[in-house]
Amino acid sequence: MDHLFFSAIIITAFDIFLIIYAFTLPLYPSVWRKKVNKKYNNDTATGIVIIFTTLLCCILWVIYFYFKLFQL
């Protein structure tokens, strides 16, 4: 139970970091962003990773609270 709680906190922290990173992407110089996006397509990859990380985060918290509430 403690491992599930700890992993939910870690994934949540990573998710918050990714969301903050996504909001700060427009603050980087446009020349640098165009150069990086040609090679890695950073904006799309960031969006996809945020979606799946948020999904994993929500699933972990639901499982944790399910076990916490019903004491299985």
C-alpha atoms as a PDB file:
ATOM      1  CA  MET A   1       0.000   0.000   0.000  1.00  0.00           C
ATOM      2  CA  ASP A   2       2.848   2.363   0.808  1.00  0.00           C
ATOM      3  CA  HIS A   3       4.535   1.553  -2.502  1.00  0.00           C
ATOM      4  CA  LEU A   4       1.353   2.385  -4.399  1.00  0.00           C
ATOM      5  CA  PHE A   5       1.042   5.685  -2.537  1.00  0.00           C
ATOM      6  CA  PHE A   6       4.683   6.566  -3.204  1.00  0.00           C
ATOM      7  CA  SER A   7       4.442   5.700  -6.908  1.00  0.00           C
ATOM      8  CA  ALA A   8       1.250   7.783  -7.231  1.00  0.00           C
ATOM      9  CA  ILE A   9       3.061  10.765  -5.709  1.00  0.00           C
ATOM     10  CA  ILE A  10       6.071  10.314  -8.015  1.00  0.00           C
ATOM     11  CA  ILE A  11       3.911  10.065 -11.150  1.00  0.00           C
ATOM     12  CA  THR A  12       1.897  13.103 -10.013  1.00  0.00           C
ATOM     13  CA  ALA A  13       5.082  15.138  -9.527  1.00  0.00           C
ATOM     14  CA  PHE A  14       6.311  14.097 -12.982  1.00  0.00           C
ATOM     15  CA  ASP A  15       2.932  15.036 -14.470  1.00  0.00           C
ATOM     16  CA  ILE A  16       3.042  18.482 -12.852  1.00  0.00           C
ATOM     17  CA  PHE A  17       6.580  18.955 -14.176  1.00  0.00           C
ATOM     18  CA  LEU A  18       5.445  18.078 -17.719  1.00  0.00           C
ATOM     19  CA  ILE A  19       2.469  20.437 -17.556  1.00  0.00           C
ATOM     20  CA  ILE A  20       4.689  23.305 -16.393  1.00  0.00           C
ATOM     21  CA  TYR A  21       7.184  22.453 -19.155  1.00  0.00           C
ATOM     22  CA  ALA A  22       4.405  22.531 -21.753  1.00  0.00           C
ATOM     23  CA  PHE A  23       3.230  25.941 -20.580  1.00  0.00           C
ATOM     24  CA  THR A  24       6.782  27.322 -20.760  1.00  0.00           C
ATOM     25  CA  LEU A  25       7.509  26.035 -24.278  1.00  0.00           C
ATOM     26  CA  PRO A  26       6.411  29.328 -25.913  1.00  0.00           C
ATOM     27  CA  LEU A  27       8.942  31.199 -23.744  1.00  0.00           C
ATOM     28  CA  TYR A  28      11.905  29.561 -25.471  1.00  0.00           C
ATOM     29  CA  PRO A  29      13.384  31.423 -28.464  1.00  0.00           C
ATOM     30  CA  SER A  30      11.530  30.631 -31.688  1.00  0.00           C
ATOM     31  CA  VAL A  31      14.763  29.952 -33.593  1.00  0.00           C
ATOM     32  CA  TRP A  32      15.772  27.296 -31.080  1.00  0.00           C
ATOM     33  CA  ARG A  33      12.272  25.754 -31.014  1.00  0.00           C
ATOM     34  CA  LYS A  34      12.165  25.472 -34.818  1.00  0.00           C
ATOM     35  CA  LYS A  35      15.606  23.858 -34.827  1.00  0.00           C
ATOM     36  CA  VAL A  36      14.630  21.326 -32.135  1.00  0.00           C
ATOM     37  CA  ASN A  37      11.154  20.652 -33.588  1.00  0.00           C
ATOM     38  CA  LYS A  38      12.610  19.705 -36.986  1.00  0.00           C
ATOM     39  CA  LYS A  39      14.639  16.963 -35.366  1.00  0.00           C
ATOM     40  CA  TYR A  40      12.455  15.740 -32.479  1.00  0.00           C
ATOM     41  CA  ASN A  41       8.921  17.197 -32.936  1.00  0.00           C
ATOM     42  CA  ASN A  42       8.994  18.256 -29.300  1.00  0.00           C
ATOM     43  CA  ASP A  43       5.532  19.858 -29.048  1.00  0.00           C
ATOM     44  CA  THR A  44       3.641  16.777 -30.223  1.00  0.00           C
ATOM     45  CA  ALA A  45       5.691  14.388 -28.118  1.00  0.00           C
ATOM     46  CA  THR A  46       5.161  16.534 -25.031  1.00  0.00           C
ATOM     47  CA  GLY A  47       1.407  16.557 -25.542  1.00  0.00           C
ATOM     48  CA  ILE A  48       1.203  12.797 -25.982  1.00  0.00           C
ATOM     49  CA  VAL A  49       3.377  12.143 -22.928  1.00  0.00           C
ATOM     50  CA  ILE A  50       1.216  14.499 -20.838  1.00  0.00           C
ATOM     51  CA  ILE A  51      -1.956  12.663 -21.877  1.00  0.00           C
ATOM     52  CA  PHE A  52      -0.617   9.221 -20.977  1.00  0.00           C
ATOM     53  CA  THR A  53       1.086  10.386 -17.778  1.00  0.00           C
ATOM     54  CA  THR A  54      -2.118  12.043 -16.596  1.00  0.00           C
ATOM     55  CA  LEU A  55      -4.045   8.876 -17.416  1.00  0.00           C
ATOM     56  CA  LEU A  56      -1.579   6.763 -15.423  1.00  0.00           C
ATOM     57  CA  CYS A  57      -1.658   9.252 -12.564  1.00  0.00           C
ATOM     58  CA  CYS A  58      -5.456   9.161 -12.336  1.00  0.00           C
ATOM     59  CA  ILE A  59      -5.543   5.364 -12.485  1.00  0.00           C
ATOM     60  CA  LEU A  60      -2.970   5.083  -9.680  1.00  0.00           C
ATOM     61  CA  TRP A  61      -4.894   7.469  -7.434  1.00  0.00           C
ATOM     62  CA  VAL A  62      -8.194   5.689  -8.093  1.00  0.00           C
ATOM     63  CA  ILE A  63      -6.656   2.321  -7.225  1.00  0.00           C
ATOM     64  CA  TYR A  64      -5.013   3.755  -4.109  1.00  0.00           C
ATOM     65  CA  PHE A  65      -8.225   5.326  -2.799  1.00  0.00           C
ATOM     66  CA  TYR A  66     -10.209   2.204  -3.648  1.00  0.00           C
ATOM     67  CA  PHE A  67      -7.913   0.120  -1.454  1.00  0.00           C
ATOM     68  CA  LYS A  68      -7.789   2.843   1.194  1.00  0.00           C
ATOM     69  CA  LEU A  69     -11.564   3.194   1.438  1.00  0.00           C
ATOM     70  CA  PHE A  70     -12.463  -0.492   1.375  1.00  0.00           C
ATOM     71  CA  GLN A  71      -9.376  -1.749   3.308  1.00  0.00           C
ATOM     72  CA  LEU A  72      -8.663  -4.691   1.033  1.00  0.00           C
END
